[in-house]
C-alpha atoms as a PDB file:
ATOM      1  CA  MET A   1      13.784  -4.516  18.958  1.00  0.00           C
ATOM      2  CA  TYR A   2      11.069  -7.185  19.358  1.00  0.00           C
ATOM      3  CA  TYR A   3      11.059 -11.169  18.229  1.00  0.00           C
ATOM      4  CA  MET A   4       7.897 -12.255  17.476  1.00  0.00           C
ATOM      5  CA  SER A   5       6.904 -15.259  19.550  1.00  0.00           C
ATOM      6  CA  LYS A   6       3.370 -17.445  18.263  1.00  0.00           C
ATOM      7  CA  ASP A   7       1.050 -14.813  20.713  1.00  0.00           C
ATOM      8  CA  LEU A   8      -0.804 -12.244  18.720  1.00  0.00           C
ATOM      9  CA  PHE A   9       0.908  -9.145  19.505  1.00  0.00           C
ATOM     10  CA  PHE A  10       2.651  -6.459  18.164  1.00  0.00           C
ATOM     11  CA  PRO A  11       4.941  -3.415  20.575  1.00  0.00           C
ATOM     12  CA  PRO A  12       4.431  -0.226  20.336  1.00  0.00           C
ATOM     13  CA  VAL A  13       5.526   1.370  17.833  1.00  0.00           C
ATOM     14  CA  SER A  14       7.346   4.148  19.541  1.00  0.00           C
ATOM     15  CA  GLU A  15      10.013   0.719  20.080  1.00  0.00           C
ATOM     16  CA  ALA A  16      10.795   0.602  16.413  1.00  0.00           C
ATOM     17  CA  ASP A  17      14.385   1.856  16.123  1.00  0.00           C
ATOM     18  CA  GLU A  18      15.788   4.645  13.584  1.00  0.00           C
ATOM     19  CA  GLU A  19      15.073   2.887  10.367  1.00  0.00           C
ATOM     20  CA  GLY A  20      11.238   2.052  11.339  1.00  0.00           C
ATOM     21  CA  ILE A  21      12.089  -1.677  12.246  1.00  0.00           C
ATOM     22  CA  LEU A  22       9.652  -3.404  15.014  1.00  0.00           C
ATOM     23  CA  ALA A  23       9.650  -6.922  15.320  1.00  0.00           C
ATOM     24  CA  ILE A  24      11.460  -9.400  13.629  1.00  0.00           C
ATOM     25  CA  GLY A  25       9.463 -13.272  13.116  1.00  0.00           C
ATOM     26  CA  GLY A  26       5.985 -14.341  13.579  1.00  0.00           C
ATOM     27  CA  ASP A  27       3.590 -15.051  10.164  1.00  0.00           C
ATOM     28  CA  LEU A  28       1.619 -13.829   7.456  1.00  0.00           C
ATOM     29  CA  SER A  29      -1.435 -14.697   9.262  1.00  0.00           C
ATOM     30  CA  PRO A  30      -4.440 -13.200   8.724  1.00  0.00           C
ATOM     31  CA  GLU A  31      -5.250 -12.312  12.293  1.00  0.00           C
ATOM     32  CA  ARG A  32      -1.493 -10.446  12.473  1.00  0.00           C
ATOM     33  CA  LEU A  33      -1.617  -8.951   9.140  1.00  0.00           C
ATOM     34  CA  GLN A  34      -4.400  -7.006  10.053  1.00  0.00           C
ATOM     35  CA  LEU A  35      -3.321  -6.553  14.289  1.00  0.00           C
ATOM     36  CA  ALA A  36      -0.242  -5.335  12.100  1.00  0.00           C
ATOM     37  CA  TYR A  37      -2.286  -2.846   9.479  1.00  0.00           C
ATOM     38  CA  LYS A  38      -4.521  -1.232  12.454  1.00  0.00           C
ATOM     39  CA  SER A  39      -1.838  -0.615  14.912  1.00  0.00           C
ATOM     40  CA  GLY A  40       0.543   1.236  12.164  1.00  0.00           C
ATOM     41  CA  ILE A  41       2.947  -1.768  11.367  1.00  0.00           C
ATOM     42  CA  PHE A  42       3.354  -3.381   7.877  1.00  0.00           C
ATOM     43  CA  PRO A  43       5.681  -5.806   6.914  1.00  0.00           C
ATOM     44  CA  TRP A  44       8.402  -5.414   4.574  1.00  0.00           C
ATOM     45  CA  PHE A  45      11.337  -8.354   4.272  1.00  0.00           C
ATOM     46  CA  ASN A  46      12.853  -9.796   1.418  1.00  0.00           C
ATOM     47  CA  GLU A  47      12.666 -13.986  -0.152  1.00  0.00           C
ATOM     48  CA  GLY A  48      14.334 -16.101   2.582  1.00  0.00           C
ATOM     49  CA  GLU A  49      14.712 -13.668   5.313  1.00  0.00           C
ATOM     50  CA  PRO A  50      12.731 -13.380   8.376  1.00  0.00           C
ATOM     51  CA  ILE A  51       9.785 -11.384   8.548  1.00  0.00           C
ATOM     52  CA  ILE A  52      10.471  -7.909   9.636  1.00  0.00           C
ATOM     53  CA  TRP A  53       7.705  -5.631  11.019  1.00  0.00           C
ATOM     54  CA  TRP A  54       8.259  -1.912  10.409  1.00  0.00           C
ATOM     55  CA  SER A  55       6.526   1.345  11.800  1.00  0.00           C
ATOM     56  CA  PRO A  56       8.826   3.897  10.131  1.00  0.00           C
ATOM     57  CA  ASP A  57       8.802   7.708  11.324  1.00  0.00           C
ATOM     58  CA  PRO A  58       8.403  10.182   9.479  1.00  0.00           C
ATOM     59  CA  ARG A  59       5.219   8.751   7.818  1.00  0.00           C
ATOM     60  CA  MET A  60       5.141   9.036   4.222  1.00  0.00           C
ATOM     61  CA  VAL A  61       0.977  10.044   3.364  1.00  0.00           C
ATOM     62  CA  LEU A  62      -1.116  11.692   1.193  1.00  0.00           C
ATOM     63  CA  PHE A  63      -4.355  13.837   2.285  1.00  0.00           C
ATOM     64  CA  LEU A  64      -6.938  13.546   0.085  1.00  0.00           C
ATOM     65  CA  ASP A  65      -7.119  16.691  -0.961  1.00  0.00           C
ATOM     66  CA  GLU A  66      -3.815  17.165  -1.636  1.00  0.00           C
ATOM     67  CA  LEU A  67      -3.379  15.179  -4.795  1.00  0.00           C
ATOM     68  CA  ILE A  68      -1.664  16.868  -7.439  1.00  0.00           C
ATOM     69  CA  VAL A  69      -3.192  16.104 -10.940  1.00  0.00           C
ATOM     70  CA  SER A  70      -0.484  17.862 -14.127  1.00  0.00           C
ATOM     71  CA  LYS A  71      -1.729  19.085 -16.597  1.00  0.00           C
ATOM     72  CA  SER A  72      -0.613  16.546 -18.726  1.00  0.00           C
ATOM     73  CA  MET A  73      -2.102  14.034 -16.741  1.00  0.00           C
ATOM     74  CA  ARG A  74      -5.388  15.325 -17.080  1.00  0.00           C
ATOM     75  CA  ASN A  75      -5.204  15.535 -20.779  1.00  0.00           C
ATOM     76  CA  ILE A  76      -4.550  11.723 -20.480  1.00  0.00           C
ATOM     77  CA  LEU A  77      -7.517  11.482 -18.189  1.00  0.00           C
ATOM     78  CA  ASN A  78      -9.907  13.184 -20.520  1.00  0.00           C
ATOM     79  CA  ARG A  79      -9.370  11.263 -23.688  1.00  0.00           C
ATOM     80  CA  ASN A  80     -10.341   7.845 -22.025  1.00  0.00           C
ATOM     81  CA  GLN A  81      -7.565   5.681 -23.394  1.00  0.00           C
ATOM     82  CA  PHE A  82      -7.491   3.676 -19.596  1.00  0.00           C
ATOM     83  CA  LYS A  83     -10.619   1.763 -18.049  1.00  0.00           C
ATOM     84  CA  VAL A  84     -10.212   1.503 -14.530  1.00  0.00           C
ATOM     85  CA  THR A  85     -11.743  -1.544 -12.301  1.00  0.00           C
ATOM     86  CA  VAL A  86     -11.626  -2.088  -8.525  1.00  0.00           C
ATOM     87  CA  ASN A  87     -11.145  -5.540  -6.638  1.00  0.00           C
ATOM     88  CA  LYS A  88     -11.789  -7.136 -10.078  1.00  0.00           C
ATOM     89  CA  ASN A  89      -8.423  -9.177 -10.548  1.00  0.00           C
ATOM     90  CA  PHE A  90      -6.549  -8.840  -7.013  1.00  0.00           C
ATOM     91  CA  LYS A  91      -4.140 -11.776  -8.063  1.00  0.00           C
ATOM     92  CA  ASP A  92      -3.136 -10.590 -10.766  1.00  0.00           C
ATOM     93  CA  VAL A  93      -2.764  -6.923 -10.392  1.00  0.00           C
ATOM     94  CA  ILE A  94      -0.574  -7.676  -6.692  1.00  0.00           C
ATOM     95  CA  SER A  95       1.452 -10.966  -9.295  1.00  0.00           C
ATOM     96  CA  ASN A  96       2.195  -8.025 -11.285  1.00  0.00           C
ATOM     97  CA  CYS A  97       3.706  -5.987  -8.266  1.00  0.00           C
ATOM     98  CA  GLN A  98       6.140  -9.460  -7.849  1.00  0.00           C
ATOM     99  CA  LYS A  99       7.395  -9.985 -11.628  1.00  0.00           C
ATOM    100  CA  ILE A 100       7.694  -5.739 -12.552  1.00  0.00           C
ATOM    101  CA  LYS A 101      11.130  -4.610 -12.508  1.00  0.00           C
ATOM    102  CA  ARG A 102      12.141  -1.757 -10.848  1.00  0.00           C
ATOM    103  CA  ASP A 103      15.106   0.635 -11.317  1.00  0.00           C
ATOM    104  CA  GLY A 104      17.325   0.288  -8.292  1.00  0.00           C
ATOM    105  CA  GLN A 105      15.792  -2.813  -7.329  1.00  0.00           C
ATOM    106  CA  ASN A 106      16.881  -6.521  -7.888  1.00  0.00           C
ATOM    107  CA  GLY A 107      14.411  -8.704  -7.334  1.00  0.00           C
ATOM    108  CA  THR A 108      11.072  -8.487  -5.122  1.00  0.00           C
ATOM    109  CA  TRP A 109      10.296  -8.193  -0.800  1.00  0.00           C
ATOM    110  CA  ILE A 110       6.886  -9.739  -2.696  1.00  0.00           C
ATOM    111  CA  SER A 111       7.471 -13.611  -1.995  1.00  0.00           C
ATOM    112  CA  ASN A 112       4.763 -16.221  -3.408  1.00  0.00           C
ATOM    113  CA  GLU A 113       4.369 -16.431   0.616  1.00  0.00           C
ATOM    114  CA  MET A 114       3.411 -13.003   0.798  1.00  0.00           C
ATOM    115  CA  ILE A 115       0.797 -12.892  -1.761  1.00  0.00           C
ATOM    116  CA  ASP A 116      -1.125 -16.258  -0.977  1.00  0.00           C
ATOM    117  CA  ALA A 117      -1.468 -14.346   2.391  1.00  0.00           C
ATOM    118  CA  TYR A 118      -2.705 -11.176   0.506  1.00  0.00           C
ATOM    119  CA  CYS A 119      -5.197 -12.816  -1.506  1.00  0.00           C
ATOM    120  CA  LYS A 120      -6.148 -14.543   1.850  1.00  0.00           C
ATOM    121  CA  LEU A 121      -7.292 -10.724   3.211  1.00  0.00           C
ATOM    122  CA  ASN A 122      -8.792 -10.150  -0.172  1.00  0.00           C
ATOM    123  CA  GLU A 123     -11.171 -12.898   0.279  1.00  0.00           C
ATOM    124  CA  MET A 124     -11.997 -11.343   3.364  1.00  0.00           C
ATOM    125  CA  GLY A 125     -12.250  -8.345   1.955  1.00  0.00           C
ATOM    126  CA  ILE A 126      -9.433  -5.932   3.428  1.00  0.00           C
ATOM    127  CA  ALA A 127      -7.242  -6.663   0.983  1.00  0.00           C
ATOM    128  CA  LYS A 128      -8.368  -4.508  -2.758  1.00  0.00           C
ATOM    129  CA  SER A 129      -6.987  -3.463  -5.533  1.00  0.00           C
ATOM    130  CA  VAL A 130      -7.431  -0.683  -8.789  1.00  0.00           C
ATOM    131  CA  GLU A 131      -7.128  -2.176 -11.713  1.00  0.00           C
ATOM    132  CA  VAL A 132      -5.729  -0.483 -14.856  1.00  0.00           C
ATOM    133  CA  TRP A 133      -6.943  -1.819 -18.630  1.00  0.00           C
ATOM    134  CA  GLN A 134      -6.151  -0.782 -21.890  1.00  0.00           C
ATOM    135  CA  ASP A 135      -7.896  -3.103 -24.912  1.00  0.00           C
ATOM    136  CA  GLU A 136      -9.671  -5.379 -22.170  1.00  0.00           C
ATOM    137  CA  VAL A 137      -4.884  -5.645 -21.156  1.00  0.00           C
ATOM    138  CA  LEU A 138      -4.059  -5.124 -17.608  1.00  0.00           C
ATOM    139  CA  VAL A 139      -1.753  -2.710 -17.906  1.00  0.00           C
ATOM    140  CA  GLY A 140      -1.427  -1.184 -14.587  1.00  0.00           C
ATOM    141  CA  GLY A 141      -2.651  -1.294 -10.841  1.00  0.00           C
ATOM    142  CA  LEU A 142      -2.072  -1.292  -7.063  1.00  0.00           C
ATOM    143  CA  TYR A 143      -3.544  -3.069  -3.742  1.00  0.00           C
ATOM    144  CA  GLY A 144      -3.228  -2.286  -0.293  1.00  0.00           C
ATOM    145  CA  ILE A 145      -4.811  -2.649   2.978  1.00  0.00           C
ATOM    146  CA  ASP A 146      -8.626  -1.554   3.616  1.00  0.00           C
ATOM    147  CA  LEU A 147      -8.683  -0.143   6.986  1.00  0.00           C
ATOM    148  CA  ASP A 148     -11.875   1.806   7.039  1.00  0.00           C
ATOM    149  CA  HIS A 149     -11.056   5.858   5.869  1.00  0.00           C
ATOM    150  CA  VAL A 150      -7.218   5.095   6.024  1.00  0.00           C
ATOM    151  CA  PHE A 151      -6.474   2.598   2.538  1.00  0.00           C
ATOM    152  CA  CYS A 152      -2.714   1.763   3.200  1.00  0.00           C
ATOM    153  CA  GLY A 153      -1.302   1.054  -0.455  1.00  0.00           C
ATOM    154  CA  GLU A 154       1.263  -1.637  -0.319  1.00  0.00           C
ATOM    155  CA  SER A 155       2.517  -1.708  -4.300  1.00  0.00           C
ATOM    156  CA  MET A 156       1.350  -0.992  -8.238  1.00  0.00           C
ATOM    157  CA  PHE A 157       3.182  -1.835 -11.878  1.00  0.00           C
ATOM    158  CA  SER A 158       2.881  -0.526 -15.036  1.00  0.00           C
ATOM    159  CA  LYS A 159       3.499  -1.735 -18.277  1.00  0.00           C
ATOM    160  CA  VAL A 160       2.914   1.414 -20.137  1.00  0.00           C
ATOM    161  CA  SER A 161       2.783   4.922 -19.920  1.00  0.00           C
ATOM    162  CA  ASN A 162       0.952   6.695 -16.837  1.00  0.00           C
ATOM    163  CA  ALA A 163      -1.358   3.215 -15.618  1.00  0.00           C
ATOM    164  CA  SER A 164       0.262   3.368 -13.031  1.00  0.00           C
ATOM    165  CA  LYS A 165      -0.941   6.886 -11.684  1.00  0.00           C
ATOM    166  CA  VAL A 166      -4.154   6.361 -13.730  1.00  0.00           C
ATOM    167  CA  ALA A 167      -4.640   3.951 -10.935  1.00  0.00           C
ATOM    168  CA  PHE A 168      -3.757   6.170  -8.162  1.00  0.00           C
ATOM    169  CA  ILE A 169      -5.425   8.747  -9.309  1.00  0.00           C
ATOM    170  CA  ALA A 170      -8.774   6.195  -9.131  1.00  0.00           C
ATOM    171  CA  LEU A 171      -7.796   5.541  -5.738  1.00  0.00           C
ATOM    172  CA  VAL A 172      -7.728   9.013  -4.775  1.00  0.00           C
ATOM    173  CA  GLU A 173     -11.425   9.759  -6.084  1.00  0.00           C
ATOM    174  CA  TYR A 174     -12.614   6.658  -4.984  1.00  0.00           C
ATOM    175  CA  LEU A 175     -11.818   6.772  -1.678  1.00  0.00           C
ATOM    176  CA  LYS A 176     -12.597  10.672  -1.112  1.00  0.00           C
ATOM    177  CA  ARG A 177     -16.259   9.663  -2.261  1.00  0.00           C
ATOM    178  CA  ALA A 178     -16.238   7.720   0.351  1.00  0.00           C
ATOM    179  CA  ASN A 179     -15.038   9.870   3.041  1.00  0.00           C
ATOM    180  CA  TYR A 180     -11.684   8.066   3.386  1.00  0.00           C
ATOM    181  CA  LYS A 181      -9.532  10.281   6.058  1.00  0.00           C
ATOM    182  CA  LEU A 182      -5.883   9.541   4.443  1.00  0.00           C
ATOM    183  CA  LEU A 183      -3.671   7.101   1.977  1.00  0.00           C
ATOM    184  CA  ASP A 184      -0.713   5.511   4.219  1.00  0.00           C
ATOM    185  CA  CYS A 185       2.156   5.675   1.046  1.00  0.00           C
ATOM    186  CA  GLN A 186       4.493   3.958   3.779  1.00  0.00           C
ATOM    187  CA  VAL A 187       7.972   5.624   2.751  1.00  0.00           C
ATOM    188  CA  TYR A 188       9.245   8.081   0.848  1.00  0.00           C
ATOM    189  CA  ASN A 189       9.606   8.796  -2.699  1.00  0.00           C
ATOM    190  CA  SER A 190      10.155  10.911  -5.304  1.00  0.00           C
ATOM    191  CA  HIS A 191       7.419   9.846  -7.307  1.00  0.00           C
ATOM    192  CA  LEU A 192       4.847   9.832  -4.754  1.00  0.00           C
ATOM    193  CA  GLU A 193       5.875  13.525  -3.873  1.00  0.00           C
ATOM    194  CA  SER A 194       5.111  14.414  -6.572  1.00  0.00           C
ATOM    195  CA  LEU A 195       1.709  13.147  -7.185  1.00  0.00           C
ATOM    196  CA  GLY A 196       0.773  15.314  -3.413  1.00  0.00           C
ATOM    197  CA  CYS A 197       2.387  12.962  -0.846  1.00  0.00           C
ATOM    198  CA  ARG A 198       4.319  14.189   2.139  1.00  0.00           C
ATOM    199  CA  GLU A 199       6.401  12.714   5.497  1.00  0.00           C
ATOM    200  CA  ILE A 200       3.862  12.899   8.705  1.00  0.00           C
ATOM    201  CA  ASP A 201       5.672  12.662  11.656  1.00  0.00           C
ATOM    202  CA  ARG A 202       4.268   8.790  13.112  1.00  0.00           C
ATOM    203  CA  GLU A 203       2.257  10.124  15.991  1.00  0.00           C
ATOM    204  CA  GLU A 204       0.598  12.474  14.136  1.00  0.00           C
ATOM    205  CA  PHE A 205      -0.109   9.297  11.877  1.00  0.00           C
ATOM    206  CA  MET A 206      -0.906   7.035  14.842  1.00  0.00           C
ATOM    207  CA  GLU A 207      -3.760   9.692  15.973  1.00  0.00           C
ATOM    208  CA  ILE A 208      -5.478   9.259  12.800  1.00  0.00           C
ATOM    209  CA  LEU A 209      -5.124   5.767  12.017  1.00  0.00           C
ATOM    210  CA  LEU A 210      -6.765   4.563  15.804  1.00  0.00           C
ATOM    211  CA  LYS A 211      -9.151   8.050  15.629  1.00  0.00           C
ATOM    212  CA  THR A 212     -10.803   6.636  12.613  1.00  0.00           C
ATOM    213  CA  SER A 213      -9.703   2.864  13.283  1.00  0.00           C
ATOM    214  CA  VAL A 214     -13.024   0.763  13.709  1.00  0.00           C
END
Protein backbone atom coordinates (compact mmCIF):
# COMPACT_ATOMS: atom_id res chain seq x y z
CA MET A 1 0.00 0.00 0.00
CA TYR A 2 1.32 3.43 -0.98
CA TYR A 3 1.42 6.31 1.50
CA MET A 4 0.91 9.61 -0.28
CA SER A 5 3.38 12.48 -0.09
CA LYS A 6 2.81 16.04 -1.26
CA ASP A 7 3.86 14.97 -4.75
CA LEU A 8 1.06 14.77 -7.32
CA PHE A 9 1.40 11.06 -8.01
CA PHE A 10 -0.49 7.76 -7.79
CA PRO A 11 0.98 4.28 -8.17
CA PRO A 12 -0.39 1.99 -10.89
CA VAL A 13 -3.86 0.64 -10.07
CA SER A 14 -2.48 -2.88 -10.33
CA GLU A 15 -0.81 -2.27 -6.96
CA ALA A 16 -4.16 -2.02 -5.14
CA ASP A 17 -4.76 -4.69 -2.50
CA GLU A 18 -7.53 -7.31 -2.65
CA GLU A 19 -10.07 -4.85 -1.21
CA GLY A 20 -9.19 -2.29 -3.84
CA ILE A 21 -7.22 0.08 -1.58
CA LEU A 22 -4.36 1.64 -3.52
CA ALA A 23 -3.04 4.49 -1.37
CA ILE A 24 -3.59 6.45 1.84
CA GLY A 25 -3.11 10.14 2.58
CA GLY A 26 -2.61 13.16 0.38
CA ASP A 27 -5.28 15.80 -0.06
CA LEU A 28 -8.47 16.59 -1.96
CA SER A 29 -7.04 19.34 -4.12
CA PRO A 30 -8.67 19.76 -7.53
CA GLU A 31 -5.44 18.68 -9.21
CA ARG A 32 -5.15 15.46 -7.20
CA LEU A 33 -8.81 14.57 -7.63
CA GLN A 34 -8.62 15.10 -11.40
CA LEU A 35 -5.53 12.91 -11.62
CA ALA A 36 -7.21 10.24 -9.50
CA TYR A 37 -10.34 9.93 -11.62
CA LYS A 38 -8.41 10.03 -14.88
CA SER A 39 -6.29 7.18 -13.46
CA GLY A 40 -9.27 5.00 -12.43
CA ILE A 41 -9.01 5.93 -8.73
CA PHE A 42 -11.47 7.54 -6.32
CA PRO A 43 -11.45 8.63 -2.64
CA TRP A 44 -13.70 6.91 -0.11
CA PHE A 45 -13.18 7.29 3.63
CA ASN A 46 -14.99 8.12 6.85
CA GLU A 47 -14.88 11.40 8.75
CA GLY A 48 -11.73 11.64 10.85
CA GLU A 49 -9.84 9.04 8.83
CA PRO A 50 -6.94 9.71 6.47
CA ILE A 51 -7.99 9.85 2.82
CA ILE A 52 -8.21 6.35 1.31
CA TRP A 53 -7.82 5.98 -2.46
CA TRP A 54 -9.51 3.02 -4.18
CA SER A 55 -9.35 1.18 -7.47
CA PRO A 56 -11.45 -1.96 -7.00
CA ASP A 57 -11.33 -5.09 -9.11
CA PRO A 58 -13.90 -5.88 -10.42
CA ARG A 59 -15.46 -2.52 -11.25
CA MET A 60 -19.23 -1.86 -11.38
CA VAL A 61 -20.19 -0.07 -14.60
CA LEU A 62 -23.09 0.56 -16.92
CA PHE A 63 -22.68 0.19 -20.66
CA LEU A 64 -25.28 2.75 -21.64
CA ASP A 65 -27.22 0.53 -24.05
CA GLU A 66 -27.72 -2.00 -21.23
CA LEU A 67 -29.86 0.30 -19.08
CA ILE A 68 -32.90 -1.54 -17.69
CA VAL A 69 -36.07 0.52 -17.29
CA SER A 70 -38.94 -1.51 -15.85
CA LYS A 71 -42.50 -1.21 -17.15
CA SER A 72 -43.60 0.42 -13.89
CA MET A 73 -40.74 2.90 -14.14
CA ARG A 74 -41.67 3.74 -17.71
CA ASN A 75 -45.19 4.49 -16.51
CA ILE A 76 -43.83 6.85 -13.86
CA LEU A 77 -41.66 8.64 -16.43
CA ASN A 78 -44.61 8.97 -18.81
CA ARG A 79 -46.70 10.70 -16.13
CA ASN A 80 -44.24 13.61 -16.11
CA GLN A 81 -44.61 14.04 -12.37
CA PHE A 82 -40.95 14.99 -12.05
CA LYS A 83 -38.88 17.72 -13.67
CA VAL A 84 -35.22 16.97 -14.33
CA THR A 85 -32.39 19.49 -14.65
CA VAL A 86 -28.66 19.05 -15.20
CA ASN A 87 -26.05 20.88 -13.15
CA LYS A 88 -28.40 23.55 -11.84
CA ASN A 89 -28.00 23.03 -8.08
CA PHE A 90 -24.86 21.01 -7.40
CA LYS A 91 -24.30 22.03 -3.79
CA ASP A 92 -27.83 21.12 -2.71
CA VAL A 93 -27.50 17.73 -4.42
CA ILE A 94 -24.23 16.79 -2.73
CA SER A 95 -25.48 18.14 0.60
CA ASN A 96 -28.58 15.96 0.37
CA CYS A 97 -26.42 12.96 -0.52
CA GLN A 98 -24.49 13.66 2.69
CA LYS A 99 -27.60 13.90 4.88
CA ILE A 100 -29.79 11.11 3.52
CA LYS A 101 -30.09 8.03 5.73
CA ARG A 102 -29.16 4.75 4.05
CA ASP A 103 -30.02 1.21 5.09
CA GLY A 104 -27.14 -0.54 6.84
CA GLN A 105 -25.01 2.59 7.14
CA ASN A 106 -24.22 4.72 10.16
CA GLY A 107 -23.25 8.20 9.12
CA THR A 108 -21.79 9.15 5.77
CA TRP A 109 -18.48 9.20 3.92
CA ILE A 110 -19.35 12.59 2.38
CA SER A 111 -17.61 14.94 4.80
CA ASN A 112 -17.75 18.73 4.69
CA GLU A 113 -14.21 18.59 3.29
CA MET A 114 -15.49 16.39 0.45
CA ILE A 115 -18.35 18.79 -0.25
CA ASP A 116 -15.97 21.75 -0.48
CA ALA A 117 -13.61 19.82 -2.76
CA TYR A 118 -16.32 18.64 -5.18
CA CYS A 119 -17.99 22.05 -5.25
CA LYS A 120 -14.64 23.43 -6.46
CA LEU A 121 -14.61 20.77 -9.19
CA ASN A 122 -18.16 21.78 -10.10
CA GLU A 123 -17.08 25.39 -10.48
CA MET A 124 -14.39 24.12 -12.85
CA GLY A 125 -16.96 22.20 -14.91
CA ILE A 126 -15.60 18.79 -13.88
CA ALA A 127 -18.11 17.66 -11.25
CA LYS A 128 -21.75 17.72 -12.38
CA SER A 129 -25.16 16.97 -10.95
CA VAL A 130 -28.60 15.85 -12.02
CA GLU A 131 -31.55 17.29 -10.08
CA VAL A 132 -35.08 15.88 -9.81
CA TRP A 133 -37.85 18.25 -8.80
CA GLN A 134 -41.47 17.74 -7.76
CA ASP A 135 -43.66 20.81 -7.35
CA GLU A 136 -40.50 22.97 -7.45
CA VAL A 137 -38.97 21.02 -4.53
CA LEU A 138 -35.68 19.13 -4.92
CA VAL A 139 -36.63 15.51 -4.19
CA GLY A 140 -33.78 13.53 -5.75
CA GLY A 141 -30.53 13.73 -7.61
CA LEU A 142 -27.00 12.49 -8.14
CA TYR A 143 -23.54 13.84 -8.81
CA GLY A 144 -20.28 12.64 -10.29
CA ILE A 145 -17.15 13.46 -12.25
CA ASP A 146 -17.31 14.12 -15.99
CA LEU A 147 -14.24 12.81 -17.81
CA ASP A 148 -15.57 13.32 -21.34
CA HIS A 149 -16.92 9.98 -22.63
CA VAL A 150 -16.81 8.39 -19.17
CA PHE A 151 -18.91 9.69 -16.28
CA CYS A 152 -17.92 8.58 -12.78
CA GLY A 153 -21.02 8.44 -10.59
CA GLU A 154 -20.40 9.26 -6.93
CA SER A 155 -23.66 9.28 -4.95
CA MET A 156 -27.40 9.79 -5.30
CA PHE A 157 -30.33 10.52 -3.00
CA SER A 158 -34.09 10.26 -3.02
CA LYS A 159 -36.68 11.93 -0.78
CA VAL A 160 -39.67 10.40 -2.57
CA SER A 161 -40.09 7.02 -4.22
CA ASN A 162 -38.24 6.55 -7.51
CA ALA A 163 -36.66 10.05 -7.60
CA SER A 164 -33.09 8.69 -7.64
CA LYS A 165 -34.04 6.23 -10.40
CA VAL A 166 -35.42 9.13 -12.43
CA ALA A 167 -32.10 10.95 -11.96
CA PHE A 168 -30.12 7.86 -12.97
CA ILE A 169 -32.18 7.21 -16.09
CA ALA A 170 -32.03 10.89 -17.07
CA LEU A 171 -28.25 10.85 -16.68
CA VAL A 172 -27.92 7.77 -18.89
CA GLU A 173 -30.09 9.31 -21.60
CA TYR A 174 -28.03 12.50 -21.40
CA LEU A 175 -24.78 10.54 -21.72
CA LYS A 176 -26.11 8.51 -24.64
CA ARG A 177 -27.03 11.64 -26.57
CA ALA A 178 -23.51 12.97 -26.01
CA ASN A 179 -21.92 9.67 -27.16
CA TYR A 180 -20.35 8.72 -23.83
CA LYS A 181 -18.94 5.21 -23.60
CA LEU A 182 -19.52 4.25 -20.00
CA LEU A 183 -21.04 5.17 -16.64
CA ASP A 184 -18.68 4.19 -13.83
CA CYS A 185 -20.56 3.08 -10.71
CA GLN A 186 -17.47 1.96 -8.77
CA VAL A 187 -18.62 -0.96 -6.60
CA TYR A 188 -21.41 -3.52 -6.70
CA ASN A 189 -24.83 -3.09 -5.16
CA SER A 190 -28.08 -4.82 -6.00
CA HIS A 191 -29.94 -1.57 -6.77
CA LEU A 192 -27.44 -0.71 -9.51
CA GLU A 193 -27.60 -4.27 -10.84
CA SER A 194 -31.38 -3.93 -11.21
CA LEU A 195 -30.77 -0.95 -13.49
CA GLY A 196 -28.46 -2.92 -15.78
CA CYS A 197 -25.06 -2.28 -14.22
CA ARG A 198 -22.56 -5.13 -14.08
CA GLU A 199 -19.05 -5.86 -12.92
CA ILE A 200 -16.12 -5.96 -15.31
CA ASP A 201 -12.42 -6.58 -14.74
CA ARG A 202 -10.46 -3.52 -13.69
CA GLU A 203 -8.18 -4.08 -16.66
CA GLU A 204 -11.10 -3.79 -19.08
CA PHE A 205 -12.35 -0.69 -17.27
CA MET A 206 -8.92 0.93 -17.50
CA GLU A 207 -8.66 0.18 -21.23
CA ILE A 208 -11.97 1.96 -21.82
CA LEU A 209 -11.07 4.85 -19.51
CA LEU A 210 -7.65 5.50 -21.02
CA LYS A 211 -8.84 5.02 -24.59
CA THR A 212 -11.46 7.75 -24.18
CA SER A 213 -9.54 10.15 -21.94
CA VAL A 214 -8.61 13.57 -23.28
